[in-house]
PDB file of N, CA and C in Angstrom:
ATOM      1  N   UNK A   1      10.250  22.609 -18.207  1.00  0.00           N
ATOM      2  CA  UNK A   1       8.821  22.547 -18.146  1.00  0.00           C
ATOM      3  C   UNK A   1       8.376  23.156 -16.817  1.00  0.00           C
ATOM      4  N   UNK A   2       7.303  23.898 -16.886  1.00  0.00           N
ATOM      5  CA  UNK A   2       6.737  24.476 -15.675  1.00  0.00           C
ATOM      6  C   UNK A   2       5.257  24.112 -15.626  1.00  0.00           C
ATOM      7  N   UNK A   3       4.818  23.696 -14.478  1.00  0.00           N
ATOM      8  CA  UNK A   3       3.422  23.345 -14.281  1.00  0.00           C
ATOM      9  C   UNK A   3       2.870  24.238 -13.180  1.00  0.00           C
ATOM     10  N   UNK A   4       1.787  24.928 -13.482  1.00  0.00           N
ATOM     11  CA  UNK A   4       1.149  25.793 -12.496  1.00  0.00           C
ATOM     12  C   UNK A   4      -0.193  25.195 -12.148  1.00  0.00           C
ATOM     13  N   UNK A   5      -0.408  24.985 -10.881  1.00  0.00           N
ATOM     14  CA  UNK A   5      -1.661  24.434 -10.387  1.00  0.00           C
ATOM     15  C   UNK A   5      -2.326  25.450  -9.479  1.00  0.00           C
ATOM     16  N   UNK A   6      -3.618  25.678  -9.692  1.00  0.00           N
ATOM     17  CA  UNK A   6      -4.358  26.643  -8.898  1.00  0.00           C
ATOM     18  C   UNK A   6      -5.426  25.904  -8.105  1.00  0.00           C
ATOM     19  N   UNK A   7      -5.454  26.140  -6.816  1.00  0.00           N
ATOM     20  CA  UNK A   7      -6.450  25.521  -5.949  1.00  0.00           C
ATOM     21  C   UNK A   7      -7.692  26.407  -5.935  1.00  0.00           C
ATOM     22  N   UNK A   8      -8.792  25.921  -6.510  1.00  0.00           N
ATOM     23  CA  UNK A   8     -10.019  26.702  -6.593  1.00  0.00           C
ATOM     24  C   UNK A   8     -11.034  26.287  -5.537  1.00  0.00           C
ATOM     25  N   UNK A   9     -10.636  25.473  -4.594  1.00  0.00           N
ATOM     26  CA  UNK A   9     -11.598  25.026  -3.586  1.00  0.00           C
ATOM     27  C   UNK A   9     -11.910  26.153  -2.611  1.00  0.00           C
ATOM     28  N   UNK A  10     -13.008  26.001  -1.934  1.00  0.00           N
ATOM     29  CA  UNK A  10     -13.460  27.011  -0.980  1.00  0.00           C
ATOM     30  C   UNK A  10     -13.404  26.451   0.432  1.00  0.00           C
ATOM     31  N   UNK A  11     -13.453  27.325   1.386  1.00  0.00           N
ATOM     32  CA  UNK A  11     -13.505  26.887   2.776  1.00  0.00           C
ATOM     33  C   UNK A  11     -14.962  26.660   3.163  1.00  0.00           C
ATOM     34  N   UNK A  12     -15.266  25.555   3.827  1.00  0.00           N
ATOM     35  CA  UNK A  12     -16.651  25.311   4.239  1.00  0.00           C
ATOM     36  C   UNK A  12     -17.084  26.300   5.315  1.00  0.00           C
ATOM     37  N   UNK A  13     -18.376  26.497   5.396  1.00  0.00           N
ATOM     38  CA  UNK A  13     -18.929  27.360   6.438  1.00  0.00           C
ATOM     39  C   UNK A  13     -18.781  26.647   7.780  1.00  0.00           C
ATOM     40  N   UNK A  14     -17.914  27.121   8.670  1.00  0.00           N
ATOM     41  CA  UNK A  14     -17.675  26.401   9.927  1.00  0.00           C
ATOM     42  C   UNK A  14     -18.866  26.410  10.870  1.00  0.00           C
ATOM     43  N   UNK A  15     -19.691  27.439  10.796  1.00  0.00           N
ATOM     44  CA  UNK A  15     -20.799  27.519  11.747  1.00  0.00           C
ATOM     45  C   UNK A  15     -22.017  26.705  11.316  1.00  0.00           C
ATOM     46  N   UNK A  16     -22.047  26.222  10.071  1.00  0.00           N
ATOM     47  CA  UNK A  16     -23.225  25.500   9.603  1.00  0.00           C
ATOM     48  C   UNK A  16     -23.491  24.246  10.434  1.00  0.00           C
ATOM     49  N   UNK A  17     -22.464  23.474  10.696  1.00  0.00           N
ATOM     50  CA  UNK A  17     -22.675  22.234  11.449  1.00  0.00           C
ATOM     51  C   UNK A  17     -22.584  22.436  12.958  1.00  0.00           C
ATOM     52  N   UNK A  18     -22.247  23.631  13.392  1.00  0.00           N
ATOM     53  CA  UNK A  18     -22.123  23.898  14.825  1.00  0.00           C
ATOM     54  C   UNK A  18     -23.297  24.720  15.342  1.00  0.00           C
ATOM     55  N   UNK A  19     -24.358  24.805  14.546  1.00  0.00           N
ATOM     56  CA  UNK A  19     -25.493  25.641  14.916  1.00  0.00           C
ATOM     57  C   UNK A  19     -26.790  24.840  14.871  1.00  0.00           C
ATOM     58  N   UNK A  20     -27.729  25.232  15.683  1.00  0.00           N
ATOM     59  CA  UNK A  20     -29.055  24.623  15.638  1.00  0.00           C
ATOM     60  C   UNK A  20     -29.922  25.245  14.551  1.00  0.00           C
ATOM     61  N   UNK A  21     -29.446  26.341  13.975  1.00  0.00           N
ATOM     62  CA  UNK A  21     -30.182  27.054  12.947  1.00  0.00           C
ATOM     63  C   UNK A  21     -30.228  26.234  11.663  1.00  0.00           C
ATOM     64  N   UNK A  22     -31.389  26.187  11.040  1.00  0.00           N
ATOM     65  CA  UNK A  22     -31.526  25.477   9.775  1.00  0.00           C
ATOM     66  C   UNK A  22     -30.823  26.294   8.691  1.00  0.00           C
ATOM     67  N   UNK A  23     -29.986  25.649   7.859  1.00  0.00           N
ATOM     68  CA  UNK A  23     -29.289  26.401   6.812  1.00  0.00           C
ATOM     69  C   UNK A  23     -30.272  26.894   5.751  1.00  0.00           C
ATOM     70  N   UNK A  24     -29.921  28.002   5.136  1.00  0.00           N
ATOM     71  CA  UNK A  24     -30.748  28.528   4.057  1.00  0.00           C
ATOM     72  C   UNK A  24     -30.587  27.641   2.822  1.00  0.00           C
ATOM     73  N   UNK A  25     -31.442  27.847   1.857  1.00  0.00           N
ATOM     74  CA  UNK A  25     -31.340  27.089   0.608  1.00  0.00           C
ATOM     75  C   UNK A  25     -29.999  27.355  -0.062  1.00  0.00           C
ATOM     76  N   UNK A  26     -29.577  28.610  -0.075  1.00  0.00           N
ATOM     77  CA  UNK A  26     -28.295  28.966  -0.699  1.00  0.00           C
ATOM     78  C   UNK A  26     -27.131  28.304   0.038  1.00  0.00           C
ATOM     79  N   UNK A  27     -27.143  28.279   1.352  1.00  0.00           N
ATOM     80  CA  UNK A  27     -26.080  27.624   2.118  1.00  0.00           C
ATOM     81  C   UNK A  27     -26.042  26.128   1.810  1.00  0.00           C
ATOM     82  N   UNK A  28     -27.207  25.521   1.660  1.00  0.00           N
ATOM     83  CA  UNK A  28     -27.281  24.092   1.354  1.00  0.00           C
ATOM     84  C   UNK A  28     -26.729  23.800  -0.033  1.00  0.00           C
ATOM     85  N   UNK A  29     -27.135  24.597  -1.008  1.00  0.00           N
ATOM     86  CA  UNK A  29     -26.644  24.413  -2.378  1.00  0.00           C
ATOM     87  C   UNK A  29     -25.130  24.637  -2.432  1.00  0.00           C
ATOM     88  N   UNK A  30     -24.651  25.673  -1.765  1.00  0.00           N
ATOM     89  CA  UNK A  30     -23.204  25.935  -1.738  1.00  0.00           C
ATOM     90  C   UNK A  30     -22.449  24.783  -1.092  1.00  0.00           C
ATOM     91  N   UNK A  31     -22.980  24.237  -0.007  1.00  0.00           N
ATOM     92  CA  UNK A  31     -22.315  23.118   0.659  1.00  0.00           C
ATOM     93  C   UNK A  31     -22.241  21.909  -0.268  1.00  0.00           C
ATOM     94  N   UNK A  32     -23.316  21.638  -0.997  1.00  0.00           N
ATOM     95  CA  UNK A  32     -23.325  20.495  -1.914  1.00  0.00           C
ATOM     96  C   UNK A  32     -22.331  20.695  -3.051  1.00  0.00           C
ATOM     97  N   UNK A  33     -22.274  21.893  -3.604  1.00  0.00           N
ATOM     98  CA  UNK A  33     -21.335  22.126  -4.701  1.00  0.00           C
ATOM     99  C   UNK A  33     -19.892  22.131  -4.197  1.00  0.00           C
ATOM    100  N   UNK A  34     -19.682  22.624  -2.974  1.00  0.00           N
ATOM    101  CA  UNK A  34     -18.336  22.615  -2.392  1.00  0.00           C
ATOM    102  C   UNK A  34     -17.816  21.196  -2.229  1.00  0.00           C
ATOM    103  N   UNK A  35     -18.681  20.277  -1.812  1.00  0.00           N
ATOM    104  CA  UNK A  35     -18.274  18.884  -1.650  1.00  0.00           C
ATOM    105  C   UNK A  35     -17.818  18.320  -2.989  1.00  0.00           C
ATOM    106  N   UNK A  36     -18.567  18.603  -4.050  1.00  0.00           N
ATOM    107  CA  UNK A  36     -18.187  18.111  -5.374  1.00  0.00           C
ATOM    108  C   UNK A  36     -16.863  18.714  -5.832  1.00  0.00           C
ATOM    109  N   UNK A  37     -16.664  20.006  -5.573  1.00  0.00           N
ATOM    110  CA  UNK A  37     -15.393  20.636  -5.938  1.00  0.00           C
ATOM    111  C   UNK A  37     -14.223  20.009  -5.190  1.00  0.00           C
ATOM    112  N   UNK A  38     -14.397  19.758  -3.900  1.00  0.00           N
ATOM    113  CA  UNK A  38     -13.321  19.160  -3.101  1.00  0.00           C
ATOM    114  C   UNK A  38     -12.990  17.765  -3.608  1.00  0.00           C
ATOM    115  N   UNK A  39     -14.008  16.981  -3.952  1.00  0.00           N
ATOM    116  CA  UNK A  39     -13.758  15.632  -4.461  1.00  0.00           C
ATOM    117  C   UNK A  39     -13.047  15.687  -5.809  1.00  0.00           C
ATOM    118  N   UNK A  40     -13.464  16.604  -6.674  1.00  0.00           N
ATOM    119  CA  UNK A  40     -12.833  16.752  -7.978  1.00  0.00           C
ATOM    120  C   UNK A  40     -11.387  17.219  -7.817  1.00  0.00           C
ATOM    121  N   UNK A  41     -11.156  18.162  -6.925  1.00  0.00           N
ATOM    122  CA  UNK A  41      -9.792  18.641  -6.675  1.00  0.00           C
ATOM    123  C   UNK A  41      -8.901  17.521  -6.170  1.00  0.00           C
ATOM    124  N   UNK A  42      -9.399  16.709  -5.252  1.00  0.00           N
ATOM    125  CA  UNK A  42      -8.602  15.606  -4.711  1.00  0.00           C
ATOM    126  C   UNK A  42      -8.273  14.597  -5.805  1.00  0.00           C
ATOM    127  N   UNK A  43      -9.249  14.289  -6.658  1.00  0.00           N
ATOM    128  CA  UNK A  43      -9.016  13.339  -7.744  1.00  0.00           C
ATOM    129  C   UNK A  43      -8.007  13.906  -8.749  1.00  0.00           C
ATOM    130  N   UNK A  44      -8.108  15.192  -9.041  1.00  0.00           N
ATOM    131  CA  UNK A  44      -7.178  15.829  -9.970  1.00  0.00           C
ATOM    132  C   UNK A  44      -5.762  15.830  -9.419  1.00  0.00           C
ATOM    133  N   UNK A  45      -5.615  16.152  -8.135  1.00  0.00           N
ATOM    134  CA  UNK A  45      -4.285  16.140  -7.523  1.00  0.00           C
ATOM    135  C   UNK A  45      -3.678  14.743  -7.541  1.00  0.00           C
ATOM    136  N   UNK A  46      -4.474  13.734  -7.254  1.00  0.00           N
ATOM    137  CA  UNK A  46      -3.974  12.362  -7.275  1.00  0.00           C
ATOM    138  C   UNK A  46      -3.520  11.979  -8.688  1.00  0.00           C
ATOM    139  N   UNK A  47      -4.306  12.342  -9.689  1.00  0.00           N
ATOM    140  CA  UNK A  47      -3.948  12.042 -11.072  1.00  0.00           C
ATOM    141  C   UNK A  47      -2.666  12.764 -11.480  1.00  0.00           C
ATOM    142  N   UNK A  48      -2.518  14.014 -11.076  1.00  0.00           N
ATOM    143  CA  UNK A  48      -1.305  14.769 -11.398  1.00  0.00           C
ATOM    144  C   UNK A  48      -0.075  14.157 -10.737  1.00  0.00           C
ATOM    145  N   UNK A  49      -0.194  13.727  -9.498  1.00  0.00           N
ATOM    146  CA  UNK A  49       0.940  13.095  -8.814  1.00  0.00           C
ATOM    147  C   UNK A  49       1.352  11.809  -9.522  1.00  0.00           C
ATOM    148  N   UNK A  50       0.356  11.018  -9.931  1.00  0.00           N
ATOM    149  CA  UNK A  50       0.669   9.779 -10.645  1.00  0.00           C
ATOM    150  C   UNK A  50       1.320  10.074 -11.991  1.00  0.00           C
ATOM    151  N   UNK A  51       0.782  11.057 -12.702  1.00  0.00           N
ATOM    152  CA  UNK A  51       1.324  11.409 -14.017  1.00  0.00           C
ATOM    153  C   UNK A  51       2.736  11.961 -13.889  1.00  0.00           C
ATOM    154  N   UNK A  52       2.956  12.848 -12.937  1.00  0.00           N
ATOM    155  CA  UNK A  52       4.276  13.450 -12.752  1.00  0.00           C
ATOM    156  C   UNK A  52       5.308  12.387 -12.392  1.00  0.00           C
ATOM    157  N   UNK A  53       4.910  11.350 -11.694  1.00  0.00           N
ATOM    158  CA  UNK A  53       5.824  10.265 -11.354  1.00  0.00           C
ATOM    159  C   UNK A  53       6.236   9.444 -12.569  1.00  0.00           C
ATOM    160  N   UNK A  54       5.361   9.384 -13.578  1.00  0.00           N
ATOM    161  CA  UNK A  54       5.660   8.618 -14.790  1.00  0.00           C
ATOM    162  C   UNK A  54       6.463   9.420 -15.805  1.00  0.00           C
ATOM    163  N   UNK A  55       6.343  10.728 -15.793  1.00  0.00           N
ATOM    164  CA  UNK A  55       6.975  11.558 -16.818  1.00  0.00           C
ATOM    165  C   UNK A  55       8.473  11.328 -16.960  1.00  0.00           C
ATOM    166  N   UNK A  56       9.252  11.249 -15.896  1.00  0.00           N
ATOM    167  CA  UNK A  56      10.703  11.027 -16.099  1.00  0.00           C
ATOM    168  C   UNK A  56      11.004   9.737 -16.853  1.00  0.00           C
ATOM    169  N   UNK A  57      10.283   8.688 -16.553  1.00  0.00           N
ATOM    170  CA  UNK A  57      10.521   7.413 -17.244  1.00  0.00           C
ATOM    171  C   UNK A  57      10.071   7.488 -18.699  1.00  0.00           C
ATOM    172  N   UNK A  58       8.919   8.095 -18.928  1.00  0.00           N
ATOM    173  CA  UNK A  58       8.375   8.136 -20.282  1.00  0.00           C
ATOM    174  C   UNK A  58       9.118   9.110 -21.186  1.00  0.00           C
ATOM    175  N   UNK A  59       9.691  10.163 -20.623  1.00  0.00           N
ATOM    176  CA  UNK A  59      10.360  11.168 -21.426  1.00  0.00           C
ATOM    177  C   UNK A  59      11.862  10.986 -21.534  1.00  0.00           C
ATOM    178  N   UNK A  60      12.416  10.054 -20.776  1.00  0.00           N
ATOM    179  CA  UNK A  60      13.877   9.859 -20.834  1.00  0.00           C
ATOM    180  C   UNK A  60      14.240   9.077 -22.083  1.00  0.00           C
ATOM    181  N   UNK A  61      15.455   9.284 -22.514  1.00  0.00           N
ATOM    182  CA  UNK A  61      15.961   8.557 -23.689  1.00  0.00           C
ATOM    183  C   UNK A  61      16.767   7.358 -23.226  1.00  0.00           C
ATOM    184  N   UNK A  62      16.969   6.381 -24.080  1.00  0.00           N
ATOM    185  CA  UNK A  62      17.706   5.183 -23.668  1.00  0.00           C
ATOM    186  C   UNK A  62      19.125   5.466 -23.155  1.00  0.00           C
ATOM    187  N   UNK A  63      19.765   6.511 -23.665  1.00  0.00           N
ATOM    188  CA  UNK A  63      21.139   6.798 -23.239  1.00  0.00           C
ATOM    189  C   UNK A  63      21.177   7.753 -22.035  1.00  0.00           C
ATOM    190  N   UNK A  64      20.011   8.068 -21.478  1.00  0.00           N
ATOM    191  CA  UNK A  64      19.957   8.904 -20.277  1.00  0.00           C
ATOM    192  C   UNK A  64      20.045  10.389 -20.544  1.00  0.00           C
ATOM    193  N   UNK A  65      20.008  10.822 -21.798  1.00  0.00           N
ATOM    194  CA  UNK A  65      20.146  12.236 -22.125  1.00  0.00           C
ATOM    195  C   UNK A  65      18.857  12.935 -22.388  1.00  0.00           C
TER     196      UNK A  65
END
């Protein structure tokens, strides 16, 4: 079995919080959607780790084969 995972998260704008300049509407919307993507990615990774840990037990046969 092969599992391929692709990280679709983006890097946050580093200068947004380090500037006195008010962010544009597009920068604000992008920041809000990026936060949701990061949270979803973290939840997905946690679920995959938990599932992958169960697979050997659930897929093994009683005689170990």
